[in-house]
Amino acid sequence: MAKIFKHKTDIPYFDYKDFKTLQRYVNQYGQIETRKKTGLTESKQRQLAKAIKRSRHLALLPFVANN
C-alpha cells in the first residue's frame, strides 16, 4: 500500500477545477481513495472529498468509471 504523496502537505489546497490532480485520488472504480492510501490529514481528506464531489457535479469528473 504505497501512499500517493511522500509528505502530507504537498498540496495546500484542492481546487475542484483542477481535475487532473483530483483524478490521482480516485481509483479505477471511481471511488475516492482512503486516508491510509492518500496519506492526507483528516481535514485535507475532507477538502479533497468536497472538491471531488463538486467536480463530479459540474461534470469535470465522472461519477463512475468508464468500462
PDB file of N, CA and C in Angstrom:
ATOM      1  N   MET A   1       0.850  -1.171   0.000  1.00  0.00           N
ATOM      2  CA  MET A   1       0.000   0.000   0.000  1.00  0.00           C
ATOM      3  C   MET A   1       0.898   1.238   0.000  1.00  0.00           C
ATOM      4  N   ALA A   2       1.161   1.769  -1.159  1.00  0.00           N
ATOM      5  CA  ALA A   2       2.010   2.945  -1.294  1.00  0.00           C
ATOM      6  C   ALA A   2       1.170   4.213  -1.220  1.00  0.00           C
ATOM      7  N   LYS A   3       1.699   5.194  -0.523  1.00  0.00           N
ATOM      8  CA  LYS A   3       0.997   6.468  -0.429  1.00  0.00           C
ATOM      9  C   LYS A   3       1.250   7.272  -1.693  1.00  0.00           C
ATOM     10  N   ILE A   4       0.292   8.091  -2.061  1.00  0.00           N
ATOM     11  CA  ILE A   4       0.393   8.866  -3.290  1.00  0.00           C
ATOM     12  C   ILE A   4       1.440   9.961  -3.158  1.00  0.00           C
ATOM     13  N   PHE A   5       1.499  10.628  -2.017  1.00  0.00           N
ATOM     14  CA  PHE A   5       2.480  11.675  -1.790  1.00  0.00           C
ATOM     15  C   PHE A   5       3.371  11.297  -0.623  1.00  0.00           C
ATOM     16  N   LYS A   6       4.596  11.777  -0.649  1.00  0.00           N
ATOM     17  CA  LYS A   6       5.533  11.483   0.419  1.00  0.00           C
ATOM     18  C   LYS A   6       5.209  12.281   1.675  1.00  0.00           C
ATOM     19  N   HIS A   7       4.812  13.539   1.486  1.00  0.00           N
ATOM     20  CA  HIS A   7       4.512  14.409   2.616  1.00  0.00           C
ATOM     21  C   HIS A   7       3.040  14.801   2.586  1.00  0.00           C
ATOM     22  N   LYS A   8       2.466  14.958   3.745  1.00  0.00           N
ATOM     23  CA  LYS A   8       1.038  15.253   3.837  1.00  0.00           C
ATOM     24  C   LYS A   8       0.703  16.668   3.392  1.00  0.00           C
ATOM     25  N   THR A   9       1.687  17.534   3.314  1.00  0.00           N
ATOM     26  CA  THR A   9       1.418  18.934   2.991  1.00  0.00           C
ATOM     27  C   THR A   9       1.883  19.295   1.584  1.00  0.00           C
ATOM     28  N   ASP A  10       1.971  18.335   0.681  1.00  0.00           N
ATOM     29  CA  ASP A  10       2.417  18.630  -0.680  1.00  0.00           C
ATOM     30  C   ASP A  10       1.454  19.557  -1.408  1.00  0.00           C
ATOM     31  N   ILE A  11       0.154  19.392  -1.198  1.00  0.00           N
ATOM     32  CA  ILE A  11      -0.833  20.238  -1.858  1.00  0.00           C
ATOM     33  C   ILE A  11      -1.565  21.037  -0.779  1.00  0.00           C
ATOM     34  N   PRO A  12      -1.415  22.372  -0.802  1.00  0.00           N
ATOM     35  CA  PRO A  12      -2.045  23.179   0.255  1.00  0.00           C
ATOM     36  C   PRO A  12      -3.552  23.328   0.097  1.00  0.00           C
ATOM     37  N   TYR A  13      -4.063  23.242  -1.153  1.00  0.00           N
ATOM     38  CA  TYR A  13      -5.479  23.486  -1.390  1.00  0.00           C
ATOM     39  C   TYR A  13      -5.920  22.662  -2.591  1.00  0.00           C
ATOM     40  N   PHE A  14      -7.093  22.044  -2.494  1.00  0.00           N
ATOM     41  CA  PHE A  14      -7.645  21.263  -3.599  1.00  0.00           C
ATOM     42  C   PHE A  14      -8.671  22.111  -4.336  1.00  0.00           C
ATOM     43  N   ASP A  15      -8.426  22.340  -5.615  1.00  0.00           N
ATOM     44  CA  ASP A  15      -9.316  23.134  -6.436  1.00  0.00           C
ATOM     45  C   ASP A  15     -10.196  22.195  -7.257  1.00  0.00           C
ATOM     46  N   TYR A  16     -11.493  22.377  -7.225  1.00  0.00           N
ATOM     47  CA  TYR A  16     -12.401  21.483  -7.929  1.00  0.00           C
ATOM     48  C   TYR A  16     -12.252  21.584  -9.446  1.00  0.00           C
ATOM     49  N   LYS A  17     -11.664  22.676  -9.940  1.00  0.00           N
ATOM     50  CA  LYS A  17     -11.471  22.839 -11.381  1.00  0.00           C
ATOM     51  C   LYS A  17     -10.214  22.129 -11.887  1.00  0.00           C
ATOM     52  N   ASP A  18      -9.338  21.739 -10.984  1.00  0.00           N
ATOM     53  CA  ASP A  18      -8.101  21.051 -11.339  1.00  0.00           C
ATOM     54  C   ASP A  18      -8.349  19.542 -11.340  1.00  0.00           C
ATOM     55  N   PHE A  19      -9.045  19.056 -12.372  1.00  0.00           N
ATOM     56  CA  PHE A  19      -9.466  17.657 -12.387  1.00  0.00           C
ATOM     57  C   PHE A  19      -8.309  16.702 -12.620  1.00  0.00           C
ATOM     58  N   LYS A  20      -7.207  17.172 -13.178  1.00  0.00           N
ATOM     59  CA  LYS A  20      -6.032  16.304 -13.373  1.00  0.00           C
ATOM     60  C   LYS A  20      -5.459  15.873 -12.026  1.00  0.00           C
ATOM     61  N   THR A  21      -5.379  16.806 -11.099  1.00  0.00           N
ATOM     62  CA  THR A  21      -4.887  16.477  -9.760  1.00  0.00           C
ATOM     63  C   THR A  21      -5.887  15.605  -9.014  1.00  0.00           C
ATOM     64  N   LEU A  22      -7.167  15.913  -9.144  1.00  0.00           N
ATOM     65  CA  LEU A  22      -8.185  15.151  -8.432  1.00  0.00           C
ATOM     66  C   LEU A  22      -8.292  13.717  -8.931  1.00  0.00           C
ATOM     67  N   GLN A  23      -7.971  13.480 -10.199  1.00  0.00           N
ATOM     68  CA  GLN A  23      -8.023  12.116 -10.740  1.00  0.00           C
ATOM     69  C   GLN A  23      -7.025  11.198 -10.062  1.00  0.00           C
ATOM     70  N   ARG A  24      -5.958  11.758  -9.526  1.00  0.00           N
ATOM     71  CA  ARG A  24      -4.963  10.947  -8.823  1.00  0.00           C
ATOM     72  C   ARG A  24      -5.524  10.329  -7.547  1.00  0.00           C
ATOM     73  N   TYR A  25      -6.565  10.925  -7.001  1.00  0.00           N
ATOM     74  CA  TYR A  25      -7.155  10.463  -5.745  1.00  0.00           C
ATOM     75  C   TYR A  25      -8.406   9.612  -5.950  1.00  0.00           C
ATOM     76  N   VAL A  26      -8.727   9.273  -7.181  1.00  0.00           N
ATOM     77  CA  VAL A  26      -9.895   8.457  -7.488  1.00  0.00           C
ATOM     78  C   VAL A  26      -9.390   7.146  -8.073  1.00  0.00           C
ATOM     79  N   ASN A  27      -9.889   6.007  -7.558  1.00  0.00           N
ATOM     80  CA  ASN A  27      -9.403   4.723  -8.061  1.00  0.00           C
ATOM     81  C   ASN A  27     -10.081   4.359  -9.374  1.00  0.00           C
ATOM     82  N   GLN A  28      -9.769   3.200  -9.890  1.00  0.00           N
ATOM     83  CA  GLN A  28     -10.267   2.788 -11.203  1.00  0.00           C
ATOM     84  C   GLN A  28     -11.768   2.566 -11.226  1.00  0.00           C
ATOM     85  N   TYR A  29     -12.388   2.433 -10.080  1.00  0.00           N
ATOM     86  CA  TYR A  29     -13.838   2.253  -9.997  1.00  0.00           C
ATOM     87  C   TYR A  29     -14.587   3.552  -9.763  1.00  0.00           C
ATOM     88  N   GLY A  30     -13.855   4.655  -9.652  1.00  0.00           N
ATOM     89  CA  GLY A  30     -14.475   5.952  -9.450  1.00  0.00           C
ATOM     90  C   GLY A  30     -14.675   6.318  -7.993  1.00  0.00           C
ATOM     91  N   GLN A  31     -14.077   5.558  -7.085  1.00  0.00           N
ATOM     92  CA  GLN A  31     -14.225   5.827  -5.653  1.00  0.00           C
ATOM     93  C   GLN A  31     -13.074   6.689  -5.162  1.00  0.00           C
ATOM     94  N   ILE A  32     -13.350   7.516  -4.166  1.00  0.00           N
ATOM     95  CA  ILE A  32     -12.319   8.349  -3.558  1.00  0.00           C
ATOM     96  C   ILE A  32     -11.436   7.452  -2.700  1.00  0.00           C
ATOM     97  N   GLU A  33     -10.116   7.616  -2.854  1.00  0.00           N
ATOM     98  CA  GLU A  33      -9.171   6.802  -2.086  1.00  0.00           C
ATOM     99  C   GLU A  33      -9.245   7.147  -0.598  1.00  0.00           C
ATOM    100  N   THR A  34      -8.876   6.192   0.232  1.00  0.00           N
ATOM    101  CA  THR A  34      -8.933   6.369   1.677  1.00  0.00           C
ATOM    102  C   THR A  34      -7.751   7.200   2.173  1.00  0.00           C
ATOM    103  N   ARG A  35      -7.848   7.638   3.414  1.00  0.00           N
ATOM    104  CA  ARG A  35      -6.776   8.418   4.034  1.00  0.00           C
ATOM    105  C   ARG A  35      -5.501   7.611   4.155  1.00  0.00           C
ATOM    106  N   LYS A  36      -5.620   6.328   4.388  1.00  0.00           N
ATOM    107  CA  LYS A  36      -4.430   5.484   4.516  1.00  0.00           C
ATOM    108  C   LYS A  36      -3.646   5.454   3.209  1.00  0.00           C
ATOM    109  N   LYS A  37      -4.355   5.429   2.122  1.00  0.00           N
ATOM    110  CA  LYS A  37      -3.693   5.366   0.814  1.00  0.00           C
ATOM    111  C   LYS A  37      -3.170   6.729   0.371  1.00  0.00           C
ATOM    112  N   THR A  38      -3.930   7.799   0.618  1.00  0.00           N
ATOM    113  CA  THR A  38      -3.508   9.122   0.171  1.00  0.00           C
ATOM    114  C   THR A  38      -2.463   9.720   1.101  1.00  0.00           C
ATOM    115  N   GLY A  39      -2.508   9.382   2.383  1.00  0.00           N
ATOM    116  CA  GLY A  39      -1.561   9.939   3.336  1.00  0.00           C
ATOM    117  C   GLY A  39      -1.891  11.358   3.751  1.00  0.00           C
ATOM    118  N   LEU A  40      -3.132  11.779   3.545  1.00  0.00           N
ATOM    119  CA  LEU A  40      -3.546  13.135   3.898  1.00  0.00           C
ATOM    120  C   LEU A  40      -4.039  13.199   5.333  1.00  0.00           C
ATOM    121  N   THR A  41      -4.064  14.402   5.868  1.00  0.00           N
ATOM    122  CA  THR A  41      -4.640  14.591   7.194  1.00  0.00           C
ATOM    123  C   THR A  41      -6.157  14.535   7.079  1.00  0.00           C
ATOM    124  N   GLU A  42      -6.808  14.503   8.201  1.00  0.00           N
ATOM    125  CA  GLU A  42      -8.269  14.386   8.218  1.00  0.00           C
ATOM    126  C   GLU A  42      -8.948  15.584   7.545  1.00  0.00           C
ATOM    127  N   SER A  43      -8.461  16.778   7.853  1.00  0.00           N
ATOM    128  CA  SER A  43      -9.081  17.967   7.265  1.00  0.00           C
ATOM    129  C   SER A  43      -8.785  18.066   5.767  1.00  0.00           C
ATOM    130  N   LYS A  44      -7.574  17.694   5.343  1.00  0.00           N
ATOM    131  CA  LYS A  44      -7.235  17.710   3.918  1.00  0.00           C
ATOM    132  C   LYS A  44      -8.050  16.670   3.152  1.00  0.00           C
ATOM    133  N   GLN A  45      -8.308  15.522   3.775  1.00  0.00           N
ATOM    134  CA  GLN A  45      -9.111  14.488   3.130  1.00  0.00           C
ATOM    135  C   GLN A  45     -10.548  14.975   2.923  1.00  0.00           C
ATOM    136  N   ARG A  46     -11.078  15.713   3.900  1.00  0.00           N
ATOM    137  CA  ARG A  46     -12.417  16.275   3.752  1.00  0.00           C
ATOM    138  C   ARG A  46     -12.456  17.323   2.639  1.00  0.00           C
ATOM    139  N   GLN A  47     -11.415  18.153   2.557  1.00  0.00           N
ATOM    140  CA  GLN A  47     -11.332  19.142   1.479  1.00  0.00           C
ATOM    141  C   GLN A  47     -11.241  18.445   0.127  1.00  0.00           C
ATOM    142  N   LEU A  48     -10.484  17.360   0.074  1.00  0.00           N
ATOM    143  CA  LEU A  48     -10.353  16.595  -1.157  1.00  0.00           C
ATOM    144  C   LEU A  48     -11.694  16.011  -1.574  1.00  0.00           C
ATOM    145  N   ALA A  49     -12.410  15.410  -0.644  1.00  0.00           N
ATOM    146  CA  ALA A  49     -13.709  14.804  -0.952  1.00  0.00           C
ATOM    147  C   ALA A  49     -14.693  15.862  -1.445  1.00  0.00           C
ATOM    148  N   LYS A  50     -14.689  17.019  -0.807  1.00  0.00           N
ATOM    149  CA  LYS A  50     -15.592  18.096  -1.227  1.00  0.00           C
ATOM    150  C   LYS A  50     -15.243  18.578  -2.632  1.00  0.00           C
ATOM    151  N   ALA A  51     -13.956  18.703  -2.937  1.00  0.00           N
ATOM    152  CA  ALA A  51     -13.527  19.147  -4.262  1.00  0.00           C
ATOM    153  C   ALA A  51     -13.895  18.116  -5.326  1.00  0.00           C
ATOM    154  N   ILE A  52     -13.728  16.830  -5.027  1.00  0.00           N
ATOM    155  CA  ILE A  52     -14.082  15.774  -5.984  1.00  0.00           C
ATOM    156  C   ILE A  52     -15.583  15.768  -6.227  1.00  0.00           C
ATOM    157  N   LYS A  53     -16.364  15.914  -5.179  1.00  0.00           N
ATOM    158  CA  LYS A  53     -17.815  15.912  -5.333  1.00  0.00           C
ATOM    159  C   LYS A  53     -18.295  17.127  -6.120  1.00  0.00           C
ATOM    160  N   ARG A  54     -17.681  18.284  -5.908  1.00  0.00           N
ATOM    161  CA  ARG A  54     -18.034  19.468  -6.694  1.00  0.00           C
ATOM    162  C   ARG A  54     -17.662  19.273  -8.155  1.00  0.00           C
ATOM    163  N   SER A  55     -16.501  18.691  -8.380  1.00  0.00           N
ATOM    164  CA  SER A  55     -16.043  18.454  -9.741  1.00  0.00           C
ATOM    165  C   SER A  55     -16.948  17.455 -10.462  1.00  0.00           C
ATOM    166  N   ARG A  56     -17.417  16.454  -9.748  1.00  0.00           N
ATOM    167  CA  ARG A  56     -18.354  15.483 -10.332  1.00  0.00           C
ATOM    168  C   ARG A  56     -19.676  16.152 -10.683  1.00  0.00           C
ATOM    169  N   HIS A  57     -20.135  17.021  -9.808  1.00  0.00           N
ATOM    170  CA  HIS A  57     -21.420  17.681 -10.018  1.00  0.00           C
ATOM    171  C   HIS A  57     -21.392  18.587 -11.250  1.00  0.00           C
ATOM    172  N   LEU A  58     -20.230  19.178 -11.526  1.00  0.00           N
ATOM    173  CA  LEU A  58     -20.075  20.043 -12.696  1.00  0.00           C
ATOM    174  C   LEU A  58     -19.623  19.263 -13.933  1.00  0.00           C
ATOM    175  N   ALA A  59     -19.577  17.946 -13.839  1.00  0.00           N
ATOM    176  CA  ALA A  59     -19.226  17.041 -14.940  1.00  0.00           C
ATOM    177  C   ALA A  59     -17.781  17.186 -15.389  1.00  0.00           C
ATOM    178  N   LEU A  60     -16.892  17.591 -14.484  1.00  0.00           N
ATOM    179  CA  LEU A  60     -15.468  17.601 -14.801  1.00  0.00           C
ATOM    180  C   LEU A  60     -14.859  16.228 -14.556  1.00  0.00           C
ATOM    181  N   LEU A  61     -15.402  15.511 -13.579  1.00  0.00           N
ATOM    182  CA  LEU A  61     -15.008  14.135 -13.288  1.00  0.00           C
ATOM    183  C   LEU A  61     -16.245  13.244 -13.413  1.00  0.00           C
ATOM    184  N   PRO A  62     -16.058  11.994 -13.856  1.00  0.00           N
ATOM    185  CA  PRO A  62     -17.222  11.097 -13.936  1.00  0.00           C
ATOM    186  C   PRO A  62     -17.607  10.555 -12.559  1.00  0.00           C
ATOM    187  N   PHE A  63     -18.872  10.223 -12.383  1.00  0.00           N
ATOM    188  CA  PHE A  63     -19.335   9.607 -11.144  1.00  0.00           C
ATOM    189  C   PHE A  63     -18.866   8.169 -11.049  1.00  0.00           C
ATOM    190  N   VAL A  64     -18.860   7.467 -12.179  1.00  0.00           N
ATOM    191  CA  VAL A  64     -18.423   6.070 -12.223  1.00  0.00           C
ATOM    192  C   VAL A  64     -17.360   5.925 -13.295  1.00  0.00           C
ATOM    193  N   ALA A  65     -16.652   4.802 -13.259  1.00  0.00           N
ATOM    194  CA  ALA A  65     -15.596   4.554 -14.234  1.00  0.00           C
ATOM    195  C   ALA A  65     -16.194   4.212 -15.600  1.00  0.00           C
ATOM    196  N   ASN A  66     -15.462   4.503 -16.636  1.00  0.00           N
ATOM    197  CA  ASN A  66     -15.893   4.203 -17.999  1.00  0.00           C
ATOM    198  C   ASN A  66     -15.313   2.855 -18.424  1.00  0.00           C
ATOM    199  N   ASN A  67     -16.054   1.791 -18.195  1.00  0.00           N
ATOM    200  CA  ASN A  67     -15.573   0.458 -18.590  1.00  0.00           C
ATOM    201  C   ASN A  67     -16.477  -0.123 -19.627  1.00  0.00           C
TER     202      ASN A  67
END
